[in-house]
Amino acid sequence: MNLTLEQMDALSEIANIGASKAAKQLSLLLHDIVEMSVPRLTIGSRREALDLIAVAPQDDTAAVFQKASGLLNAEVALLFHSQESRELVQALVGADLPLDDVDMSAFEHEAMTEIGNIIVSACISTIADLLGGRVSLTIPVYVEGSFSDIWHQLEGGDMPQARYMLVMGTKLSAVQRNVNGSLVITFSLDDLNSLLRQIDEWLAKMSS
């Protein structure tokens, strides 16, 4: 698929605005400065997208997945190394909670699910607002495991027929804490074509 320079620039701008909103939300949650890498875009297979995310297949990873529908039809994932997800939860509560291991694990899962929902919603809603539409998100799903296993679960989603996709990815890093996450948005080619039509309309309005 060949995109025009204007479309690529618009995709980059949209990704940057959405990721900036996500970084702001994480900053508010942590009461810390959150730095954001320039969002990277690539069109390729899901396997090729692994290079964009830059997480080793064997790394223990915590992830929150949501599906977007409406103006945008996409899969969104917020990824952290498992240890960093625990540090994120501890940073939010401010101190160790008097819970046993089982209760603490359940609390971490619930907290990470809510954190993921807040950050993903901020990003996707901002992109939808920018393009003048509305988006619905599914209930967030929290999973832990090796990154390769988590990515395999994503491959088993609603787009198994899509060999190629657009992937938007950015890194979020808290300055004062050892917390680094990745926000990834994937579109099938069919959904990318729909997104490009929305972008073309947006560009036409901007230039009129």
C-alpha atoms as a PDB file:
ATOM      1  CA  MET A   1       0.000   0.000   0.000  1.00  0.00           C
ATOM      2  CA  ASN A   2       1.320   3.416  -0.989  1.00  0.00           C
ATOM      3  CA  LEU A   3       0.372   6.418   1.122  1.00  0.00           C
ATOM      4  CA  THR A   4       0.791   9.987  -0.017  1.00  0.00           C
ATOM      5  CA  LEU A   5       3.225  12.242   1.813  1.00  0.00           C
ATOM      6  CA  GLU A   6       0.260  14.253   3.095  1.00  0.00           C
ATOM      7  CA  GLN A   7      -1.372  11.120   4.499  1.00  0.00           C
ATOM      8  CA  MET A   8       1.826   9.991   6.227  1.00  0.00           C
ATOM      9  CA  ASP A   9       2.336  13.456   7.712  1.00  0.00           C
ATOM     10  CA  ALA A  10      -1.271  13.493   8.925  1.00  0.00           C
ATOM     11  CA  LEU A  11      -0.939  10.023  10.464  1.00  0.00           C
ATOM     12  CA  SER A  12       2.228  11.114  12.246  1.00  0.00           C
ATOM     13  CA  GLU A  13       0.564  14.263  13.570  1.00  0.00           C
ATOM     14  CA  ILE A  14      -2.506  12.352  14.743  1.00  0.00           C
ATOM     15  CA  ALA A  15      -0.370   9.705  16.444  1.00  0.00           C
ATOM     16  CA  ASN A  16       1.702  12.407  18.128  1.00  0.00           C
ATOM     17  CA  ILE A  17      -1.356  14.238  19.471  1.00  0.00           C
ATOM     18  CA  GLY A  18      -2.949  11.027  20.751  1.00  0.00           C
ATOM     19  CA  ALA A  19       0.263   9.809  22.375  1.00  0.00           C
ATOM     20  CA  SER A  20       0.838  13.219  23.962  1.00  0.00           C
ATOM     21  CA  LYS A  21      -2.566  12.998  25.626  1.00  0.00           C
ATOM     22  CA  ALA A  22      -1.727   9.507  26.884  1.00  0.00           C
ATOM     23  CA  ALA A  23       1.589  10.755  28.291  1.00  0.00           C
ATOM     24  CA  LYS A  24      -0.210  13.614  30.044  1.00  0.00           C
ATOM     25  CA  GLN A  25      -2.640  11.182  31.672  1.00  0.00           C
ATOM     26  CA  LEU A  26       0.203   8.954  32.881  1.00  0.00           C
ATOM     27  CA  SER A  27       1.986  12.035  34.215  1.00  0.00           C
ATOM     28  CA  LEU A  28      -1.110  13.021  36.203  1.00  0.00           C
ATOM     29  CA  LEU A  29      -1.434   9.507  37.615  1.00  0.00           C
ATOM     30  CA  LEU A  30       2.210   9.343  38.691  1.00  0.00           C
ATOM     31  CA  HIS A  31       2.677  13.002  39.657  1.00  0.00           C
ATOM     32  CA  ASP A  32       5.828  12.787  37.569  1.00  0.00           C
ATOM     33  CA  ILE A  33       7.110  14.120  34.272  1.00  0.00           C
ATOM     34  CA  VAL A  34       6.499  11.569  31.521  1.00  0.00           C
ATOM     35  CA  GLU A  35       8.638  11.776  28.412  1.00  0.00           C
ATOM     36  CA  MET A  36       7.283  10.494  25.121  1.00  0.00           C
ATOM     37  CA  SER A  37       9.256   9.263  22.154  1.00  0.00           C
ATOM     38  CA  VAL A  38       8.244  10.475  18.712  1.00  0.00           C
ATOM     39  CA  PRO A  39       5.598   7.971  17.546  1.00  0.00           C
ATOM     40  CA  ARG A  40       6.874   5.539  14.928  1.00  0.00           C
ATOM     41  CA  LEU A  41       4.694   4.252  12.120  1.00  0.00           C
ATOM     42  CA  THR A  42       5.203   1.187   9.992  1.00  0.00           C
ATOM     43  CA  ILE A  43       3.135  -0.825   7.532  1.00  0.00           C
ATOM     44  CA  GLY A  44       3.948  -4.522   7.544  1.00  0.00           C
ATOM     45  CA  SER A  45       3.130  -7.878   9.067  1.00  0.00           C
ATOM     46  CA  ARG A  46       2.470  -8.355  12.758  1.00  0.00           C
ATOM     47  CA  ARG A  47       5.762 -10.168  13.030  1.00  0.00           C
ATOM     48  CA  GLU A  48       7.587  -7.203  11.495  1.00  0.00           C
ATOM     49  CA  ALA A  49       5.820  -4.944  13.971  1.00  0.00           C
ATOM     50  CA  LEU A  50       7.802  -6.580  16.777  1.00  0.00           C
ATOM     51  CA  ASP A  51      10.824  -4.548  15.688  1.00  0.00           C
ATOM     52  CA  LEU A  52       8.845  -1.350  16.228  1.00  0.00           C
ATOM     53  CA  ILE A  53       7.890  -2.248  19.792  1.00  0.00           C
ATOM     54  CA  ALA A  54      11.453  -3.237  20.734  1.00  0.00           C
ATOM     55  CA  VAL A  55      10.567  -5.726  23.481  1.00  0.00           C
ATOM     56  CA  ALA A  56      12.471  -9.012  23.612  1.00  0.00           C
ATOM     57  CA  PRO A  57      10.221 -12.059  22.968  1.00  0.00           C
ATOM     58  CA  GLN A  58      11.225 -13.687  26.275  1.00  0.00           C
ATOM     59  CA  ASP A  59      10.636 -10.579  28.419  1.00  0.00           C
ATOM     60  CA  ASP A  60       8.020 -10.880  31.176  1.00  0.00           C
ATOM     61  CA  THR A  61       5.367  -8.415  30.115  1.00  0.00           C
ATOM     62  CA  ALA A  62       2.123  -6.969  31.453  1.00  0.00           C
ATOM     63  CA  ALA A  63      -0.355  -5.660  28.906  1.00  0.00           C
ATOM     64  CA  VAL A  64      -3.786  -4.089  28.714  1.00  0.00           C
ATOM     65  CA  PHE A  65      -5.663  -4.689  25.454  1.00  0.00           C
ATOM     66  CA  GLN A  66      -8.722  -2.896  24.116  1.00  0.00           C
ATOM     67  CA  LYS A  67     -10.508  -2.844  20.770  1.00  0.00           C
ATOM     68  CA  ALA A  68     -11.774   0.408  19.312  1.00  0.00           C
ATOM     69  CA  SER A  69     -14.775   0.636  17.000  1.00  0.00           C
ATOM     70  CA  GLY A  70     -16.639   3.459  15.335  1.00  0.00           C
ATOM     71  CA  LEU A  71     -14.665   6.154  13.568  1.00  0.00           C
ATOM     72  CA  LEU A  72     -11.538   4.112  14.334  1.00  0.00           C
ATOM     73  CA  ASN A  73     -11.443   0.331  14.185  1.00  0.00           C
ATOM     74  CA  ALA A  74      -8.209  -0.742  15.808  1.00  0.00           C
ATOM     75  CA  GLU A  75      -6.556  -2.814  18.485  1.00  0.00           C
ATOM     76  CA  VAL A  76      -4.734  -0.884  21.203  1.00  0.00           C
ATOM     77  CA  ALA A  77      -2.222  -2.268  23.693  1.00  0.00           C
ATOM     78  CA  LEU A  78      -0.430  -0.645  26.621  1.00  0.00           C
ATOM     79  CA  LEU A  79       2.673  -2.687  27.453  1.00  0.00           C
ATOM     80  CA  PHE A  80       5.001  -2.673  30.468  1.00  0.00           C
ATOM     81  CA  HIS A  81       7.651  -5.034  31.712  1.00  0.00           C
ATOM     82  CA  SER A  82       6.033  -6.950  34.590  1.00  0.00           C
ATOM     83  CA  GLN A  83       8.338  -5.466  37.236  1.00  0.00           C
ATOM     84  CA  GLU A  84       7.654  -1.965  35.959  1.00  0.00           C
ATOM     85  CA  SER A  85       3.906  -2.551  36.115  1.00  0.00           C
ATOM     86  CA  ARG A  86       4.269  -3.417  39.812  1.00  0.00           C
ATOM     87  CA  GLU A  87       6.375  -0.296  40.380  1.00  0.00           C
ATOM     88  CA  LEU A  88       3.702   1.731  38.607  1.00  0.00           C
ATOM     89  CA  VAL A  89       1.000   0.403  40.935  1.00  0.00           C
ATOM     90  CA  GLN A  90       3.176   1.022  44.012  1.00  0.00           C
ATOM     91  CA  ALA A  91       3.852   4.568  42.825  1.00  0.00           C
ATOM     92  CA  LEU A  92       0.122   5.170  42.587  1.00  0.00           C
ATOM     93  CA  VAL A  93      -0.779   3.830  46.039  1.00  0.00           C
ATOM     94  CA  GLY A  94       2.231   5.527  47.644  1.00  0.00           C
ATOM     95  CA  ALA A  95       3.067   2.636  49.969  1.00  0.00           C
ATOM     96  CA  ASP A  96       2.913  -1.122  50.232  1.00  0.00           C
ATOM     97  CA  LEU A  97      -0.578  -2.299  51.017  1.00  0.00           C
ATOM     98  CA  PRO A  98      -1.114  -4.781  53.890  1.00  0.00           C
ATOM     99  CA  LEU A  99      -2.300  -7.564  51.577  1.00  0.00           C
ATOM    100  CA  ASP A 100      -1.168 -11.134  51.127  1.00  0.00           C
ATOM    101  CA  ASP A 101       0.360 -12.248  47.818  1.00  0.00           C
ATOM    102  CA  VAL A 102      -2.937 -13.392  46.325  1.00  0.00           C
ATOM    103  CA  ASP A 103      -4.795 -10.193  47.235  1.00  0.00           C
ATOM    104  CA  MET A 104      -1.881  -8.034  46.094  1.00  0.00           C
ATOM    105  CA  SER A 105      -1.791  -9.783  42.735  1.00  0.00           C
ATOM    106  CA  ALA A 106      -5.523  -9.233  42.288  1.00  0.00           C
ATOM    107  CA  PHE A 107      -5.125  -5.583  43.299  1.00  0.00           C
ATOM    108  CA  GLU A 108      -2.274  -5.101  40.810  1.00  0.00           C
ATOM    109  CA  HIS A 109      -4.336  -6.624  38.011  1.00  0.00           C
ATOM    110  CA  GLU A 110      -7.316  -4.411  38.796  1.00  0.00           C
ATOM    111  CA  ALA A 111      -5.152  -1.304  39.105  1.00  0.00           C
ATOM    112  CA  MET A 112      -3.270  -1.974  35.858  1.00  0.00           C
ATOM    113  CA  THR A 113      -6.535  -2.625  34.029  1.00  0.00           C
ATOM    114  CA  GLU A 114      -7.875   0.746  35.155  1.00  0.00           C
ATOM    115  CA  ILE A 115      -4.588   2.513  34.371  1.00  0.00           C
ATOM    116  CA  GLY A 116      -4.569   1.000  30.899  1.00  0.00           C
ATOM    117  CA  ASN A 117      -8.171   1.995  30.326  1.00  0.00           C
ATOM    118  CA  ILE A 118      -7.472   5.614  31.308  1.00  0.00           C
ATOM    119  CA  ILE A 119      -4.400   5.932  29.087  1.00  0.00           C
ATOM    120  CA  VAL A 120      -5.860   4.108  26.073  1.00  0.00           C
ATOM    121  CA  SER A 121      -9.127   6.063  26.314  1.00  0.00           C
ATOM    122  CA  ALA A 122      -7.237   9.361  26.448  1.00  0.00           C
ATOM    123  CA  CYS A 123      -5.268   8.523  23.315  1.00  0.00           C
ATOM    124  CA  ILE A 124      -8.079   7.075  21.206  1.00  0.00           C
ATOM    125  CA  SER A 125     -10.687   9.662  22.224  1.00  0.00           C
ATOM    126  CA  THR A 126      -8.278  12.469  21.352  1.00  0.00           C
ATOM    127  CA  ILE A 127      -7.664  11.009  17.889  1.00  0.00           C
ATOM    128  CA  ALA A 128     -11.407  10.544  17.308  1.00  0.00           C
ATOM    129  CA  ASP A 129     -12.179  14.101  18.442  1.00  0.00           C
ATOM    130  CA  LEU A 130      -9.501  15.425  16.122  1.00  0.00           C
ATOM    131  CA  LEU A 131     -11.091  13.647  13.155  1.00  0.00           C
ATOM    132  CA  GLY A 132     -14.601  14.676  14.186  1.00  0.00           C
ATOM    133  CA  GLY A 133     -16.061  11.315  15.171  1.00  0.00           C
ATOM    134  CA  ARG A 134     -16.788   8.989  18.055  1.00  0.00           C
ATOM    135  CA  VAL A 135     -15.174   5.755  19.165  1.00  0.00           C
ATOM    136  CA  SER A 136     -16.265   2.987  21.514  1.00  0.00           C
ATOM    137  CA  LEU A 137     -13.793   0.845  23.449  1.00  0.00           C
ATOM    138  CA  THR A 138     -14.284  -2.684  24.695  1.00  0.00           C
ATOM    139  CA  ILE A 139     -13.758  -3.596  28.333  1.00  0.00           C
ATOM    140  CA  PRO A 140      -9.980  -3.663  28.925  1.00  0.00           C
ATOM    141  CA  VAL A 141      -8.314  -7.065  29.201  1.00  0.00           C
ATOM    142  CA  TYR A 142      -5.203  -7.467  31.372  1.00  0.00           C
ATOM    143  CA  VAL A 143      -2.714 -10.249  30.622  1.00  0.00           C
ATOM    144  CA  GLU A 144       0.743 -11.231  31.836  1.00  0.00           C
ATOM    145  CA  GLY A 145       3.334 -13.520  30.296  1.00  0.00           C
ATOM    146  CA  SER A 146       6.249 -13.532  27.917  1.00  0.00           C
ATOM    147  CA  PHE A 147       5.994 -10.885  25.244  1.00  0.00           C
ATOM    148  CA  SER A 148       5.921 -13.553  22.515  1.00  0.00           C
ATOM    149  CA  ASP A 149       2.906 -15.223  24.180  1.00  0.00           C
ATOM    150  CA  ILE A 150       1.121 -11.900  24.586  1.00  0.00           C
ATOM    151  CA  TRP A 151       1.800 -10.958  20.986  1.00  0.00           C
ATOM    152  CA  HIS A 152       0.487 -14.375  19.912  1.00  0.00           C
ATOM    153  CA  GLN A 153      -2.771 -13.588  21.716  1.00  0.00           C
ATOM    154  CA  LEU A 154      -2.993 -10.339  19.799  1.00  0.00           C
ATOM    155  CA  GLU A 155      -2.420 -12.284  16.572  1.00  0.00           C
ATOM    156  CA  GLY A 156      -5.401 -14.454  17.465  1.00  0.00           C
ATOM    157  CA  GLY A 157      -7.768 -11.483  17.544  1.00  0.00           C
ATOM    158  CA  ASP A 158     -10.453 -10.473  15.092  1.00  0.00           C
ATOM    159  CA  MET A 159      -8.035  -9.782  12.237  1.00  0.00           C
ATOM    160  CA  PRO A 160      -6.387 -13.173  11.458  1.00  0.00           C
ATOM    161  CA  GLN A 161      -6.971 -12.615   7.756  1.00  0.00           C
ATOM    162  CA  ALA A 162      -4.974  -9.376   7.717  1.00  0.00           C
ATOM    163  CA  ARG A 163      -1.392 -10.186   6.772  1.00  0.00           C
ATOM    164  CA  TYR A 164      -0.347  -6.553   6.873  1.00  0.00           C
ATOM    165  CA  MET A 165      -1.283  -3.640   9.052  1.00  0.00           C
ATOM    166  CA  LEU A 166      -0.432  -0.141  10.121  1.00  0.00           C
ATOM    167  CA  VAL A 167       1.252  -0.034  13.513  1.00  0.00           C
ATOM    168  CA  MET A 168       1.675   3.156  15.549  1.00  0.00           C
ATOM    169  CA  GLY A 169       3.993   2.867  18.526  1.00  0.00           C
ATOM    170  CA  THR A 170       5.463   5.210  21.123  1.00  0.00           C
ATOM    171  CA  LYS A 171       7.469   4.866  24.350  1.00  0.00           C
ATOM    172  CA  LEU A 172       6.348   6.532  27.583  1.00  0.00           C
ATOM    173  CA  SER A 173       8.983   7.030  30.301  1.00  0.00           C
ATOM    174  CA  ALA A 174       8.536   8.484  33.797  1.00  0.00           C
ATOM    175  CA  VAL A 175      11.534  10.666  34.661  1.00  0.00           C
ATOM    176  CA  GLN A 176      11.716  10.019  38.425  1.00  0.00           C
ATOM    177  CA  ARG A 177      10.677   6.362  38.391  1.00  0.00           C
ATOM    178  CA  ASN A 178      11.760   3.204  36.640  1.00  0.00           C
ATOM    179  CA  VAL A 179       8.564   3.001  34.616  1.00  0.00           C
ATOM    180  CA  ASN A 180       8.695   2.682  30.839  1.00  0.00           C
ATOM    181  CA  GLY A 181       5.736   1.615  28.746  1.00  0.00           C
ATOM    182  CA  SER A 182       4.794   1.224  25.108  1.00  0.00           C
ATOM    183  CA  LEU A 183       1.506   2.316  23.576  1.00  0.00           C
ATOM    184  CA  VAL A 184       0.730   0.422  20.375  1.00  0.00           C
ATOM    185  CA  ILE A 185      -2.196   0.887  17.968  1.00  0.00           C
ATOM    186  CA  THR A 186      -2.723  -1.590  15.128  1.00  0.00           C
ATOM    187  CA  PHE A 187      -5.036  -1.294  12.126  1.00  0.00           C
ATOM    188  CA  SER A 188      -5.808  -3.962   9.545  1.00  0.00           C
ATOM    189  CA  LEU A 189      -5.437  -2.787   5.950  1.00  0.00           C
ATOM    190  CA  ASP A 190      -9.227  -2.591   5.551  1.00  0.00           C
ATOM    191  CA  ASP A 191      -9.484  -0.430   8.649  1.00  0.00           C
ATOM    192  CA  LEU A 192      -6.486   1.598   7.505  1.00  0.00           C
ATOM    193  CA  ASN A 193      -8.283   2.388   4.245  1.00  0.00           C
ATOM    194  CA  SER A 194     -11.256   3.602   6.270  1.00  0.00           C
ATOM    195  CA  LEU A 195      -8.957   5.713   8.441  1.00  0.00           C
ATOM    196  CA  LEU A 196      -7.300   7.217   5.374  1.00  0.00           C
ATOM    197  CA  ARG A 197     -10.684   8.293   4.027  1.00  0.00           C
ATOM    198  CA  GLN A 198     -11.329  10.066   7.327  1.00  0.00           C
ATOM    199  CA  ILE A 199      -7.898  11.687   7.126  1.00  0.00           C
ATOM    200  CA  ASP A 200      -8.489  12.855   3.551  1.00  0.00           C
ATOM    201  CA  GLU A 201     -11.738  14.500   4.678  1.00  0.00           C
ATOM    202  CA  TRP A 202      -9.917  16.077   7.626  1.00  0.00           C
ATOM    203  CA  LEU A 203      -7.168  17.414   5.361  1.00  0.00           C
ATOM    204  CA  ALA A 204      -9.766  18.829   2.970  1.00  0.00           C
ATOM    205  CA  LYS A 205     -11.450  20.684   5.838  1.00  0.00           C
ATOM    206  CA  MET A 206      -8.110  21.989   7.075  1.00  0.00           C
ATOM    207  CA  SER A 207      -7.231  23.383   3.653  1.00  0.00           C
ATOM    208  CA  SER A 208     -10.649  24.904   2.905  1.00  0.00           C
END
